[in-house]
Amino acid sequence: MKARADLGLTSLRLFEAAVRLGSLSAASSEANIAISAVSRRIADLEQQFGTRLLHRDVRGVEPTPAGQILVTHARNLLRLAERVSEDMAQFSDGARGLVRVAANPSAVNQFLPDLFSRFREAAPEIRFEVREGVSGDIVREVLEGHVDIGIFAASVPHEGVQAFPFRADSLCVVAPAGHRLAGAGALTLRDLLEEPHIGLEDGSSLFAQVCQRAEEAGRPLTVAFRVRSFEAVRRMAAAGLGVGILPQAVAAPYAAVDGIAVIPLSEDWSRRPFLLGVRERSALSASAEAFLAYLIGATP
């Protein structure tokens, strides 16, 4: 039986950088140490584990199957080490806790501003780093330890994430104010299949869901435009370029200003639940745990 490897954070950090950046020279530049030192550290890891961890060629490096497993564990260990430092820093004079949050645009626009405001009234010493992204990317960032807490659509796969119920939103149709559908009391997706559609960028869980439902209805959407934000969908609809599907809370308050009609979407899937996700709740910093507990308690 092989002796248990004595892992050093420096070696793991250099190995993770080499895999992430695709070369030993890039890792040495990032860490500001000699490339020979990076190579030696990784060779030591390979000797300790008794297996090759990197494929090396003139183009750079890429992980072997064993290296893929190690880099996953390395990222978790490095993130845990950061959390230890953050927790301990809270005991030094002037230090403040930092919580890294990733959320999809629906959560950022509808829920988080008020929740952040109320939480900071009770804990003004805690700082936040907030990333906005699509739900699938957020799940990956949680799993890889890049963020403490993720907020994402419950419809996306999230195996391996410790998840908790959060809020939900309701979808609506946005159309030009003078559109033939503008006066409807409610619409179904079938009502929209003949219309040019303004969709969100690739990776959006909302757009993916709408496309899937259109396929199930027997006809794919006619996508005229793809845009990056809710505001862009509203503005394109106001200009008469098509219709879109958005959360009610990010469309209705702007209907008069933007010159759009906002019509409820009458579908059994138009109410969308969201989840809070963490990699491992027991490993959260004190600040991140406090904010997670607040979010869980603030969920209706």
C-alpha atoms as a PDB file:
ATOM      1  CA  MET A   1       0.000   0.000   0.000  1.00  0.00           C
ATOM      2  CA  LYS A   2       1.333   3.412  -0.915  1.00  0.00           C
ATOM      3  CA  ALA A   3       2.029   5.909   1.844  1.00  0.00           C
ATOM      4  CA  ARG A   4      -0.536   8.674   2.054  1.00  0.00           C
ATOM      5  CA  ALA A   5       0.595  11.702   0.043  1.00  0.00           C
ATOM      6  CA  ASP A   6       1.582  14.764   2.051  1.00  0.00           C
ATOM      7  CA  LEU A   7      -0.250  17.445   0.055  1.00  0.00           C
ATOM      8  CA  GLY A   8       0.947  21.028   0.153  1.00  0.00           C
ATOM      9  CA  LEU A   9      -1.329  23.905  -0.770  1.00  0.00           C
ATOM     10  CA  THR A  10       1.428  25.541  -2.822  1.00  0.00           C
ATOM     11  CA  SER A  11       1.828  22.438  -4.997  1.00  0.00           C
ATOM     12  CA  LEU A  12      -1.929  22.097  -5.416  1.00  0.00           C
ATOM     13  CA  ARG A  13      -2.259  25.781  -6.277  1.00  0.00           C
ATOM     14  CA  LEU A  14       0.414  25.501  -8.965  1.00  0.00           C
ATOM     15  CA  PHE A  15      -1.113  22.313 -10.349  1.00  0.00           C
ATOM     16  CA  GLU A  16      -4.574  23.922 -10.506  1.00  0.00           C
ATOM     17  CA  ALA A  17      -3.121  26.968 -12.276  1.00  0.00           C
ATOM     18  CA  ALA A  18      -1.331  24.793 -14.830  1.00  0.00           C
ATOM     19  CA  VAL A  19      -4.557  22.943 -15.653  1.00  0.00           C
ATOM     20  CA  ARG A  20      -6.664  26.114 -15.723  1.00  0.00           C
ATOM     21  CA  LEU A  21      -4.200  28.069 -17.877  1.00  0.00           C
ATOM     22  CA  GLY A  22      -3.089  25.158 -20.030  1.00  0.00           C
ATOM     23  CA  SER A  23       0.658  25.589 -19.583  1.00  0.00           C
ATOM     24  CA  LEU A  24       3.424  25.471 -16.994  1.00  0.00           C
ATOM     25  CA  SER A  25       4.850  28.787 -18.161  1.00  0.00           C
ATOM     26  CA  ALA A  26       1.504  30.547 -17.660  1.00  0.00           C
ATOM     27  CA  ALA A  27       1.243  29.031 -14.178  1.00  0.00           C
ATOM     28  CA  SER A  28       4.774  30.176 -13.327  1.00  0.00           C
ATOM     29  CA  SER A  29       3.976  33.682 -14.576  1.00  0.00           C
ATOM     30  CA  GLU A  30       0.772  33.853 -12.527  1.00  0.00           C
ATOM     31  CA  ALA A  31       2.551  32.649  -9.384  1.00  0.00           C
ATOM     32  CA  ASN A  32       5.670  34.726 -10.134  1.00  0.00           C
ATOM     33  CA  ILE A  33       8.028  31.793  -9.663  1.00  0.00           C
ATOM     34  CA  ALA A  34      10.412  29.968 -12.002  1.00  0.00           C
ATOM     35  CA  ILE A  35       8.918  27.471 -14.420  1.00  0.00           C
ATOM     36  CA  SER A  36      11.418  24.886 -13.162  1.00  0.00           C
ATOM     37  CA  ALA A  37       9.911  25.219  -9.680  1.00  0.00           C
ATOM     38  CA  VAL A  38       6.407  24.626 -11.079  1.00  0.00           C
ATOM     39  CA  SER A  39       7.618  21.579 -13.003  1.00  0.00           C
ATOM     40  CA  ARG A  40       9.370  20.207  -9.903  1.00  0.00           C
ATOM     41  CA  ARG A  41       6.289  20.658  -7.702  1.00  0.00           C
ATOM     42  CA  ILE A  42       4.075  18.822 -10.189  1.00  0.00           C
ATOM     43  CA  ALA A  43       6.678  16.070 -10.640  1.00  0.00           C
ATOM     44  CA  ASP A  44       6.679  15.652  -6.850  1.00  0.00           C
ATOM     45  CA  LEU A  45       2.899  15.255  -6.870  1.00  0.00           C
ATOM     46  CA  GLU A  46       3.143  12.641  -9.619  1.00  0.00           C
ATOM     47  CA  GLN A  47       5.766  10.758  -7.631  1.00  0.00           C
ATOM     48  CA  GLN A  48       3.672  10.899  -4.460  1.00  0.00           C
ATOM     49  CA  PHE A  49       0.593   9.525  -6.229  1.00  0.00           C
ATOM     50  CA  GLY A  50       2.531   7.118  -8.429  1.00  0.00           C
ATOM     51  CA  THR A  51       0.747   8.236 -11.607  1.00  0.00           C
ATOM     52  CA  ARG A  52       1.048  10.830 -14.334  1.00  0.00           C
ATOM     53  CA  LEU A  53      -1.149  13.870 -13.745  1.00  0.00           C
ATOM     54  CA  LEU A  54      -0.467  15.942 -16.868  1.00  0.00           C
ATOM     55  CA  HIS A  55      -0.022  15.260 -20.559  1.00  0.00           C
ATOM     56  CA  ARG A  56       2.739  17.571 -21.840  1.00  0.00           C
ATOM     57  CA  ASP A  57       3.367  18.581 -25.461  1.00  0.00           C
ATOM     58  CA  VAL A  58       4.494  21.632 -27.426  1.00  0.00           C
ATOM     59  CA  ARG A  59       1.027  23.179 -27.147  1.00  0.00           C
ATOM     60  CA  GLY A  60       0.957  23.054 -23.373  1.00  0.00           C
ATOM     61  CA  VAL A  61      -0.496  20.683 -20.798  1.00  0.00           C
ATOM     62  CA  GLU A  62      -3.793  18.998 -20.122  1.00  0.00           C
ATOM     63  CA  PRO A  63      -4.818  16.747 -17.231  1.00  0.00           C
ATOM     64  CA  THR A  64      -4.830  12.975 -17.407  1.00  0.00           C
ATOM     65  CA  PRO A  65      -7.891  11.193 -15.952  1.00  0.00           C
ATOM     66  CA  ALA A  66      -6.075  11.124 -12.603  1.00  0.00           C
ATOM     67  CA  GLY A  67      -5.244  14.811 -13.024  1.00  0.00           C
ATOM     68  CA  GLN A  68      -8.916  15.626 -13.643  1.00  0.00           C
ATOM     69  CA  ILE A  69      -9.839  14.047 -10.320  1.00  0.00           C
ATOM     70  CA  LEU A  70      -7.007  15.794  -8.510  1.00  0.00           C
ATOM     71  CA  VAL A  71      -7.811  19.252  -9.884  1.00  0.00           C
ATOM     72  CA  THR A  72     -11.425  18.901  -8.701  1.00  0.00           C
ATOM     73  CA  HIS A  73     -10.267  18.056  -5.187  1.00  0.00           C
ATOM     74  CA  ALA A  74      -7.543  20.715  -5.336  1.00  0.00           C
ATOM     75  CA  ARG A  75     -10.065  23.439  -6.114  1.00  0.00           C
ATOM     76  CA  ASN A  76     -12.240  22.361  -3.209  1.00  0.00           C
ATOM     77  CA  LEU A  77      -9.266  22.269  -0.837  1.00  0.00           C
ATOM     78  CA  LEU A  78      -7.973  25.653  -1.987  1.00  0.00           C
ATOM     79  CA  ARG A  79     -11.404  27.195  -1.561  1.00  0.00           C
ATOM     80  CA  LEU A  80     -11.698  25.672   1.906  1.00  0.00           C
ATOM     81  CA  ALA A  81      -8.295  27.170   2.781  1.00  0.00           C
ATOM     82  CA  GLU A  82      -9.559  30.569   1.633  1.00  0.00           C
ATOM     83  CA  ARG A  83     -12.590  30.167   3.859  1.00  0.00           C
ATOM     84  CA  VAL A  84     -10.378  29.362   6.831  1.00  0.00           C
ATOM     85  CA  SER A  85      -8.412  32.545   6.185  1.00  0.00           C
ATOM     86  CA  GLU A  86     -11.598  34.570   5.829  1.00  0.00           C
ATOM     87  CA  ASP A  87     -13.044  33.168   9.054  1.00  0.00           C
ATOM     88  CA  MET A  88      -9.863  33.842  10.982  1.00  0.00           C
ATOM     89  CA  ALA A  89      -9.545  37.317   9.487  1.00  0.00           C
ATOM     90  CA  GLN A  90     -12.852  38.256  11.068  1.00  0.00           C
ATOM     91  CA  PHE A  91     -11.135  38.147  14.457  1.00  0.00           C
ATOM     92  CA  SER A  92      -8.450  40.683  13.516  1.00  0.00           C
ATOM     93  CA  ASP A  93      -8.994  44.395  13.968  1.00  0.00           C
ATOM     94  CA  GLY A  94     -10.736  45.986  11.015  1.00  0.00           C
ATOM     95  CA  ALA A  95     -11.266  42.730   9.133  1.00  0.00           C
ATOM     96  CA  ARG A  96     -14.615  42.131   7.470  1.00  0.00           C
ATOM     97  CA  GLY A  97     -16.264  38.963   6.198  1.00  0.00           C
ATOM     98  CA  LEU A  98     -16.591  38.450   2.440  1.00  0.00           C
ATOM     99  CA  VAL A  99     -19.395  36.421   0.849  1.00  0.00           C
ATOM    100  CA  ARG A 100     -19.229  35.481  -2.821  1.00  0.00           C
ATOM    101  CA  VAL A 101     -22.641  35.116  -4.450  1.00  0.00           C
ATOM    102  CA  ALA A 102     -23.552  34.110  -8.002  1.00  0.00           C
ATOM    103  CA  ALA A 103     -27.124  34.566  -9.214  1.00  0.00           C
ATOM    104  CA  ASN A 104     -28.992  34.452 -12.486  1.00  0.00           C
ATOM    105  CA  PRO A 105     -30.461  37.697 -13.881  1.00  0.00           C
ATOM    106  CA  SER A 106     -33.959  36.875 -12.662  1.00  0.00           C
ATOM    107  CA  ALA A 107     -32.785  36.634  -9.053  1.00  0.00           C
ATOM    108  CA  VAL A 108     -30.508  39.679  -9.329  1.00  0.00           C
ATOM    109  CA  ASN A 109     -33.262  41.870 -10.760  1.00  0.00           C
ATOM    110  CA  GLN A 110     -36.197  40.671  -8.700  1.00  0.00           C
ATOM    111  CA  PHE A 111     -35.042  39.533  -5.278  1.00  0.00           C
ATOM    112  CA  LEU A 112     -31.509  40.345  -4.249  1.00  0.00           C
ATOM    113  CA  PRO A 113     -31.465  44.157  -3.930  1.00  0.00           C
ATOM    114  CA  ASP A 114     -34.072  44.198  -1.151  1.00  0.00           C
ATOM    115  CA  LEU A 115     -32.583  41.131   0.544  1.00  0.00           C
ATOM    116  CA  PHE A 116     -29.074  42.610   0.522  1.00  0.00           C
ATOM    117  CA  SER A 117     -30.396  45.892   1.894  1.00  0.00           C
ATOM    118  CA  ARG A 118     -32.228  44.293   4.815  1.00  0.00           C
ATOM    119  CA  PHE A 119     -29.388  41.902   5.641  1.00  0.00           C
ATOM    120  CA  ARG A 120     -26.786  44.666   5.727  1.00  0.00           C
ATOM    121  CA  GLU A 121     -28.854  46.611   8.242  1.00  0.00           C
ATOM    122  CA  ALA A 122     -28.156  43.797  10.707  1.00  0.00           C
ATOM    123  CA  ALA A 123     -24.629  42.908   9.486  1.00  0.00           C
ATOM    124  CA  PRO A 124     -22.997  45.994   7.921  1.00  0.00           C
ATOM    125  CA  GLU A 125     -19.505  44.542   8.414  1.00  0.00           C
ATOM    126  CA  ILE A 126     -20.056  41.798   5.826  1.00  0.00           C
ATOM    127  CA  ARG A 127     -18.999  42.549   2.249  1.00  0.00           C
ATOM    128  CA  PHE A 128     -20.321  40.902  -0.905  1.00  0.00           C
ATOM    129  CA  GLU A 129     -18.903  39.966  -4.270  1.00  0.00           C
ATOM    130  CA  VAL A 130     -21.821  39.361  -6.650  1.00  0.00           C
ATOM    131  CA  ARG A 131     -21.538  37.676 -10.026  1.00  0.00           C
ATOM    132  CA  GLU A 132     -24.399  37.531 -12.497  1.00  0.00           C
ATOM    133  CA  GLY A 133     -24.546  34.562 -14.851  1.00  0.00           C
ATOM    134  CA  VAL A 134     -26.711  31.861 -16.369  1.00  0.00           C
ATOM    135  CA  SER A 135     -27.973  29.114 -14.093  1.00  0.00           C
ATOM    136  CA  GLY A 136     -25.863  26.283 -15.523  1.00  0.00           C
ATOM    137  CA  ASP A 137     -22.665  28.279 -15.052  1.00  0.00           C
ATOM    138  CA  ILE A 138     -23.689  29.159 -11.503  1.00  0.00           C
ATOM    139  CA  VAL A 139     -24.084  25.492 -10.568  1.00  0.00           C
ATOM    140  CA  ARG A 140     -20.594  24.821 -11.919  1.00  0.00           C
ATOM    141  CA  GLU A 141     -19.120  27.755  -9.974  1.00  0.00           C
ATOM    142  CA  VAL A 142     -20.679  26.421  -6.770  1.00  0.00           C
ATOM    143  CA  LEU A 143     -19.339  22.918  -7.401  1.00  0.00           C
ATOM    144  CA  GLU A 144     -15.851  24.230  -8.174  1.00  0.00           C
ATOM    145  CA  GLY A 145     -15.810  26.436  -5.085  1.00  0.00           C
ATOM    146  CA  HIS A 146     -15.557  29.772  -6.907  1.00  0.00           C
ATOM    147  CA  VAL A 147     -18.586  31.157  -5.048  1.00  0.00           C
ATOM    148  CA  ASP A 148     -20.059  30.497  -1.626  1.00  0.00           C
ATOM    149  CA  ILE A 149     -23.748  30.674  -2.562  1.00  0.00           C
ATOM    150  CA  GLY A 150     -25.468  30.269  -5.911  1.00  0.00           C
ATOM    151  CA  ILE A 151     -29.026  31.189  -6.861  1.00  0.00           C
ATOM    152  CA  PHE A 152     -30.292  29.435  -9.968  1.00  0.00           C
ATOM    153  CA  ALA A 153     -33.382  28.071 -11.711  1.00  0.00           C
ATOM    154  CA  ALA A 154     -34.581  24.801 -10.199  1.00  0.00           C
ATOM    155  CA  SER A 155     -35.010  23.401 -13.718  1.00  0.00           C
ATOM    156  CA  VAL A 156     -31.246  23.135 -14.393  1.00  0.00           C
ATOM    157  CA  PRO A 157     -29.350  19.966 -13.352  1.00  0.00           C
ATOM    158  CA  HIS A 158     -27.614  20.515 -10.001  1.00  0.00           C
ATOM    159  CA  GLU A 159     -26.347  17.124  -8.879  1.00  0.00           C
ATOM    160  CA  GLY A 160     -23.737  17.465  -6.137  1.00  0.00           C
ATOM    161  CA  VAL A 161     -25.037  20.838  -4.934  1.00  0.00           C
ATOM    162  CA  GLN A 162     -26.655  21.119  -1.519  1.00  0.00           C
ATOM    163  CA  ALA A 163     -29.852  22.955  -2.473  1.00  0.00           C
ATOM    164  CA  PHE A 164     -32.536  24.838  -0.548  1.00  0.00           C
ATOM    165  CA  PRO A 165     -35.862  26.280  -1.794  1.00  0.00           C
ATOM    166  CA  PHE A 166     -35.802  30.014  -2.509  1.00  0.00           C
ATOM    167  CA  ARG A 167     -38.282  32.260  -4.302  1.00  0.00           C
ATOM    168  CA  ALA A 168     -40.347  31.860  -7.487  1.00  0.00           C
ATOM    169  CA  ASP A 169     -41.383  34.213 -10.253  1.00  0.00           C
ATOM    170  CA  SER A 170     -44.174  34.322 -12.853  1.00  0.00           C
ATOM    171  CA  LEU A 171     -43.663  34.749 -16.571  1.00  0.00           C
ATOM    172  CA  CYS A 172     -45.435  37.146 -18.895  1.00  0.00           C
ATOM    173  CA  VAL A 173     -45.454  38.147 -22.555  1.00  0.00           C
ATOM    174  CA  VAL A 174     -44.102  41.536 -23.613  1.00  0.00           C
ATOM    175  CA  ALA A 175     -45.320  42.978 -26.911  1.00  0.00           C
ATOM    176  CA  PRO A 176     -45.540  46.385 -28.575  1.00  0.00           C
ATOM    177  CA  ALA A 177     -48.292  48.483 -27.024  1.00  0.00           C
ATOM    178  CA  GLY A 178     -50.333  48.436 -30.256  1.00  0.00           C
ATOM    179  CA  HIS A 179     -49.841  44.741 -30.983  1.00  0.00           C
ATOM    180  CA  ARG A 180     -52.835  42.571 -31.905  1.00  0.00           C
ATOM    181  CA  LEU A 181     -52.271  40.503 -28.727  1.00  0.00           C
ATOM    182  CA  ALA A 182     -51.894  43.495 -26.433  1.00  0.00           C
ATOM    183  CA  GLY A 183     -55.476  43.467 -25.181  1.00  0.00           C
ATOM    184  CA  ALA A 184     -55.599  39.779 -24.293  1.00  0.00           C
ATOM    185  CA  GLY A 185     -56.319  38.869 -20.689  1.00  0.00           C
ATOM    186  CA  ALA A 186     -53.812  36.034 -20.845  1.00  0.00           C
ATOM    187  CA  LEU A 187     -51.855  34.159 -23.500  1.00  0.00           C
ATOM    188  CA  THR A 188     -50.529  30.656 -24.017  1.00  0.00           C
ATOM    189  CA  LEU A 189     -47.328  29.747 -25.803  1.00  0.00           C
ATOM    190  CA  ARG A 190     -49.356  28.517 -28.785  1.00  0.00           C
ATOM    191  CA  ASP A 191     -50.661  32.071 -29.212  1.00  0.00           C
ATOM    192  CA  LEU A 192     -47.078  33.213 -29.788  1.00  0.00           C
ATOM    193  CA  LEU A 193     -45.774  30.595 -32.199  1.00  0.00           C
ATOM    194  CA  GLU A 194     -46.605  32.702 -35.275  1.00  0.00           C
ATOM    195  CA  GLU A 195     -44.804  35.746 -33.848  1.00  0.00           C
ATOM    196  CA  PRO A 196     -41.142  36.718 -34.251  1.00  0.00           C
ATOM    197  CA  HIS A 197     -39.540  36.103 -30.888  1.00  0.00           C
ATOM    198  CA  ILE A 198     -36.932  38.140 -29.007  1.00  0.00           C
ATOM    199  CA  GLY A 199     -34.894  35.680 -26.955  1.00  0.00           C
ATOM    200  CA  LEU A 200     -32.148  35.829 -24.387  1.00  0.00           C
ATOM    201  CA  GLU A 201     -28.548  34.776 -24.954  1.00  0.00           C
ATOM    202  CA  ASP A 202     -27.335  31.174 -25.069  1.00  0.00           C
ATOM    203  CA  GLY A 203     -27.283  29.527 -21.679  1.00  0.00           C
ATOM    204  CA  SER A 204     -30.331  31.342 -20.315  1.00  0.00           C
ATOM    205  CA  SER A 205     -32.484  28.835 -18.424  1.00  0.00           C
ATOM    206  CA  LEU A 206     -35.564  30.936 -19.255  1.00  0.00           C
ATOM    207  CA  PHE A 207     -34.888  30.880 -22.995  1.00  0.00           C
ATOM    208  CA  ALA A 208     -34.031  27.161 -22.901  1.00  0.00           C
ATOM    209  CA  GLN A 209     -37.297  26.426 -21.123  1.00  0.00           C
ATOM    210  CA  VAL A 210     -39.362  28.450 -23.596  1.00  0.00           C
ATOM    211  CA  CYS A 211     -37.677  26.746 -26.570  1.00  0.00           C
ATOM    212  CA  GLN A 212     -38.287  23.321 -25.057  1.00  0.00           C
ATOM    213  CA  ARG A 213     -41.955  24.076 -24.475  1.00  0.00           C
ATOM    214  CA  ALA A 214     -42.349  25.350 -28.036  1.00  0.00           C
ATOM    215  CA  GLU A 215     -40.860  22.113 -29.367  1.00  0.00           C
ATOM    216  CA  GLU A 216     -43.317  20.171 -27.212  1.00  0.00           C
ATOM    217  CA  ALA A 217     -46.132  22.281 -28.663  1.00  0.00           C
ATOM    218  CA  GLY A 218     -45.119  21.059 -32.110  1.00  0.00           C
ATOM    219  CA  ARG A 219     -43.385  24.086 -33.570  1.00  0.00           C
ATOM    220  CA  PRO A 220     -40.075  25.754 -32.767  1.00  0.00           C
ATOM    221  CA  LEU A 221     -39.974  29.459 -32.057  1.00  0.00           C
ATOM    222  CA  THR A 222     -39.175  31.887 -34.835  1.00  0.00           C
ATOM    223  CA  VAL A 223     -36.294  33.678 -33.126  1.00  0.00           C
ATOM    224  CA  ALA A 224     -35.724  37.069 -34.735  1.00  0.00           C
ATOM    225  CA  PHE A 225     -33.233  38.475 -32.197  1.00  0.00           C
ATOM    226  CA  ARG A 226     -31.027  37.239 -29.358  1.00  0.00           C
ATOM    227  CA  VAL A 227     -30.088  39.789 -26.704  1.00  0.00           C
ATOM    228  CA  ARG A 228     -28.258  39.791 -23.379  1.00  0.00           C
ATOM    229  CA  SER A 229     -30.623  41.501 -20.934  1.00  0.00           C
ATOM    230  CA  PHE A 230     -34.234  41.878 -19.867  1.00  0.00           C
ATOM    231  CA  GLU A 231     -34.052  45.570 -20.686  1.00  0.00           C
ATOM    232  CA  ALA A 232     -32.971  44.787 -24.251  1.00  0.00           C
ATOM    233  CA  VAL A 233     -35.940  42.420 -24.688  1.00  0.00           C
ATOM    234  CA  ARG A 234     -38.314  45.174 -23.549  1.00  0.00           C
ATOM    235  CA  ARG A 235     -36.756  47.802 -25.796  1.00  0.00           C
ATOM    236  CA  MET A 236     -36.767  45.530 -28.848  1.00  0.00           C
ATOM    237  CA  ALA A 237     -40.408  44.656 -28.224  1.00  0.00           C
ATOM    238  CA  ALA A 238     -41.287  48.344 -27.828  1.00  0.00           C
ATOM    239  CA  ALA A 239     -39.695  48.999 -31.234  1.00  0.00           C
ATOM    240  CA  GLY A 240     -42.085  46.497 -32.822  1.00  0.00           C
ATOM    241  CA  LEU A 241     -39.444  43.859 -33.548  1.00  0.00           C
ATOM    242  CA  GLY A 242     -41.206  40.939 -31.922  1.00  0.00           C
ATOM    243  CA  VAL A 243     -42.547  39.556 -28.665  1.00  0.00           C
ATOM    244  CA  GLY A 244     -40.671  38.192 -25.680  1.00  0.00           C
ATOM    245  CA  ILE A 245     -41.240  36.213 -22.508  1.00  0.00           C
ATOM    246  CA  LEU A 246     -39.928  37.726 -19.287  1.00  0.00           C
ATOM    247  CA  PRO A 247     -40.508  37.544 -15.544  1.00  0.00           C
ATOM    248  CA  GLN A 248     -43.519  39.665 -14.629  1.00  0.00           C
ATOM    249  CA  ALA A 249     -41.585  41.635 -12.008  1.00  0.00           C
ATOM    250  CA  VAL A 250     -38.963  42.859 -14.507  1.00  0.00           C
ATOM    251  CA  ALA A 251     -41.502  43.821 -17.180  1.00  0.00           C
ATOM    252  CA  ALA A 252     -44.630  45.256 -15.535  1.00  0.00           C
ATOM    253  CA  PRO A 253     -42.971  48.222 -13.719  1.00  0.00           C
ATOM    254  CA  TYR A 254     -41.574  49.487 -17.046  1.00  0.00           C
ATOM    255  CA  ALA A 255     -44.632  48.963 -19.266  1.00  0.00           C
ATOM    256  CA  ALA A 256     -45.679  52.620 -19.446  1.00  0.00           C
ATOM    257  CA  VAL A 257     -42.146  53.995 -19.793  1.00  0.00           C
ATOM    258  CA  ASP A 258     -41.063  51.461 -22.424  1.00  0.00           C
ATOM    259  CA  GLY A 259     -44.327  51.521 -24.355  1.00  0.00           C
ATOM    260  CA  ILE A 260     -45.028  47.799 -24.125  1.00  0.00           C
ATOM    261  CA  ALA A 261     -47.989  45.621 -23.277  1.00  0.00           C
ATOM    262  CA  VAL A 262     -47.469  43.070 -20.489  1.00  0.00           C
ATOM    263  CA  ILE A 263     -49.772  40.052 -20.718  1.00  0.00           C
ATOM    264  CA  PRO A 264     -49.796  37.132 -18.254  1.00  0.00           C
ATOM    265  CA  LEU A 265     -48.561  33.819 -19.641  1.00  0.00           C
ATOM    266  CA  SER A 266     -51.124  31.141 -18.836  1.00  0.00           C
ATOM    267  CA  GLU A 267     -49.066  27.951 -18.700  1.00  0.00           C
ATOM    268  CA  ASP A 268     -48.570  25.425 -15.921  1.00  0.00           C
ATOM    269  CA  TRP A 269     -44.790  26.047 -16.172  1.00  0.00           C
ATOM    270  CA  SER A 270     -44.978  29.848 -16.123  1.00  0.00           C
ATOM    271  CA  ARG A 271     -44.326  29.957 -12.374  1.00  0.00           C
ATOM    272  CA  ARG A 272     -40.609  29.207 -11.975  1.00  0.00           C
ATOM    273  CA  PRO A 273     -38.993  28.154  -8.686  1.00  0.00           C
ATOM    274  CA  PHE A 274     -35.400  29.080  -7.809  1.00  0.00           C
ATOM    275  CA  LEU A 275     -32.926  27.348  -5.525  1.00  0.00           C
ATOM    276  CA  LEU A 276     -30.129  28.394  -3.209  1.00  0.00           C
ATOM    277  CA  GLY A 277     -27.099  26.160  -3.659  1.00  0.00           C
ATOM    278  CA  VAL A 278     -23.843  25.574  -1.781  1.00  0.00           C
ATOM    279  CA  ARG A 279     -21.094  23.008  -2.209  1.00  0.00           C
ATOM    280  CA  GLU A 280     -21.049  22.027   1.465  1.00  0.00           C
ATOM    281  CA  ARG A 281     -22.900  24.040   4.069  1.00  0.00           C
ATOM    282  CA  SER A 282     -20.709  22.861   6.933  1.00  0.00           C
ATOM    283  CA  ALA A 283     -17.642  24.314   5.167  1.00  0.00           C
ATOM    284  CA  LEU A 284     -19.090  27.814   4.694  1.00  0.00           C
ATOM    285  CA  SER A 285     -17.429  30.748   6.403  1.00  0.00           C
ATOM    286  CA  ALA A 286     -19.316  32.297   9.323  1.00  0.00           C
ATOM    287  CA  SER A 287     -20.340  35.222   7.102  1.00  0.00           C
ATOM    288  CA  ALA A 288     -21.567  33.014   4.257  1.00  0.00           C
ATOM    289  CA  GLU A 289     -23.481  30.795   6.689  1.00  0.00           C
ATOM    290  CA  ALA A 290     -25.131  33.852   8.231  1.00  0.00           C
ATOM    291  CA  PHE A 291     -26.267  35.099   4.821  1.00  0.00           C
ATOM    292  CA  LEU A 292     -27.457  31.649   3.703  1.00  0.00           C
ATOM    293  CA  ALA A 293     -29.472  31.252   6.904  1.00  0.00           C
ATOM    294  CA  TYR A 294     -30.972  34.696   6.321  1.00  0.00           C
ATOM    295  CA  LEU A 295     -31.953  33.830   2.744  1.00  0.00           C
ATOM    296  CA  ILE A 296     -33.540  30.544   3.831  1.00  0.00           C
ATOM    297  CA  GLY A 297     -35.438  32.335   6.578  1.00  0.00           C
ATOM    298  CA  ALA A 298     -36.560  35.079   4.186  1.00  0.00           C
ATOM    299  CA  THR A 299     -38.057  32.597   1.716  1.00  0.00           C
ATOM    300  CA  PRO A 300     -41.868  32.761   1.757  1.00  0.00           C
END
